[in-house]
Amino acid sequence: MLRMLNPGVGFRPGKTLIVPDVGRGDPPAAVAGIEVDKGARLVRALDPSGKWLAVYP
């Protein structure tokens, strides 16, 4: 990505580069539970209300 943002710029000491400002954003939600679905071959991370926070194959 840095090469895409800085075409033609040599990556050498002293060069100025353009970099993304990704920020910190909101902190990740706390995981309250884990659900394993063997049939679907998935693992889900759940918040306290049961909402999916993440799904992993």
Protein backbone atom coordinates (compact mmCIF):
# COMPACT_ATOMS: atom_id res chain seq x y z
CA MET A 1 0.00 0.00 0.00
CA LEU A 2 2.85 2.38 0.78
CA ARG A 3 4.23 1.89 -2.72
CA MET A 4 0.79 2.68 -4.19
CA LEU A 5 0.60 5.89 -2.14
CA ASN A 6 4.16 6.88 -3.05
CA PRO A 7 4.80 5.97 -6.70
CA GLY A 8 8.34 6.68 -7.83
CA VAL A 9 9.59 7.44 -4.32
CA GLY A 10 12.63 5.48 -3.21
CA PHE A 11 12.26 4.04 0.27
CA ARG A 12 15.47 5.47 1.68
CA PRO A 13 16.36 7.26 4.90
CA GLY A 14 15.38 10.93 4.77
CA LYS A 15 12.64 10.52 2.13
CA THR A 16 9.17 11.89 2.85
CA LEU A 17 6.35 9.38 2.41
CA ILE A 18 2.58 9.62 2.33
CA VAL A 19 1.00 7.22 4.83
CA PRO A 20 -2.64 6.49 5.72
CA ASP A 21 -4.14 7.97 8.87
CA VAL A 22 -6.04 4.95 10.14
CA GLY A 23 -6.90 6.44 13.52
CA ARG A 24 -7.77 4.41 16.56
CA GLY A 25 -11.55 4.25 16.21
CA ASP A 26 -13.79 2.85 18.88
CA PRO A 27 -12.35 0.18 21.15
CA PRO A 28 -13.45 -3.35 20.26
CA ALA A 29 -16.58 -4.62 21.95
CA ALA A 30 -16.18 -7.07 24.81
CA VAL A 31 -16.87 -10.68 23.90
CA ALA A 32 -19.42 -12.19 26.27
CA GLY A 33 -19.66 -15.61 24.68
CA ILE A 34 -18.41 -17.98 22.02
CA GLU A 35 -20.72 -20.10 19.86
CA VAL A 36 -19.43 -23.09 17.89
CA ASP A 37 -21.58 -24.32 15.01
CA LYS A 38 -20.11 -27.67 13.91
CA GLY A 39 -22.69 -28.10 11.14
CA ALA A 40 -21.82 -24.78 9.53
CA ARG A 41 -18.16 -25.11 10.60
CA LEU A 42 -18.21 -21.62 12.16
CA VAL A 43 -17.17 -20.00 15.41
CA ARG A 44 -19.00 -16.84 16.46
CA ALA A 45 -18.06 -14.23 19.06
CA LEU A 46 -21.13 -12.76 20.80
CA ASP A 47 -21.73 -9.56 22.78
CA PRO A 48 -23.76 -9.58 26.04
CA SER A 49 -27.05 -9.27 24.10
CA GLY A 50 -26.20 -12.22 21.82
CA LYS A 51 -25.34 -10.08 18.79
CA TRP A 52 -22.56 -11.43 16.58
CA LEU A 53 -19.33 -9.46 16.92
CA ALA A 54 -17.26 -11.71 14.67
CA VAL A 55 -17.63 -14.91 12.68
CA TYR A 56 -14.71 -17.19 11.88
CA PRO A 57 -14.67 -20.14 9.45
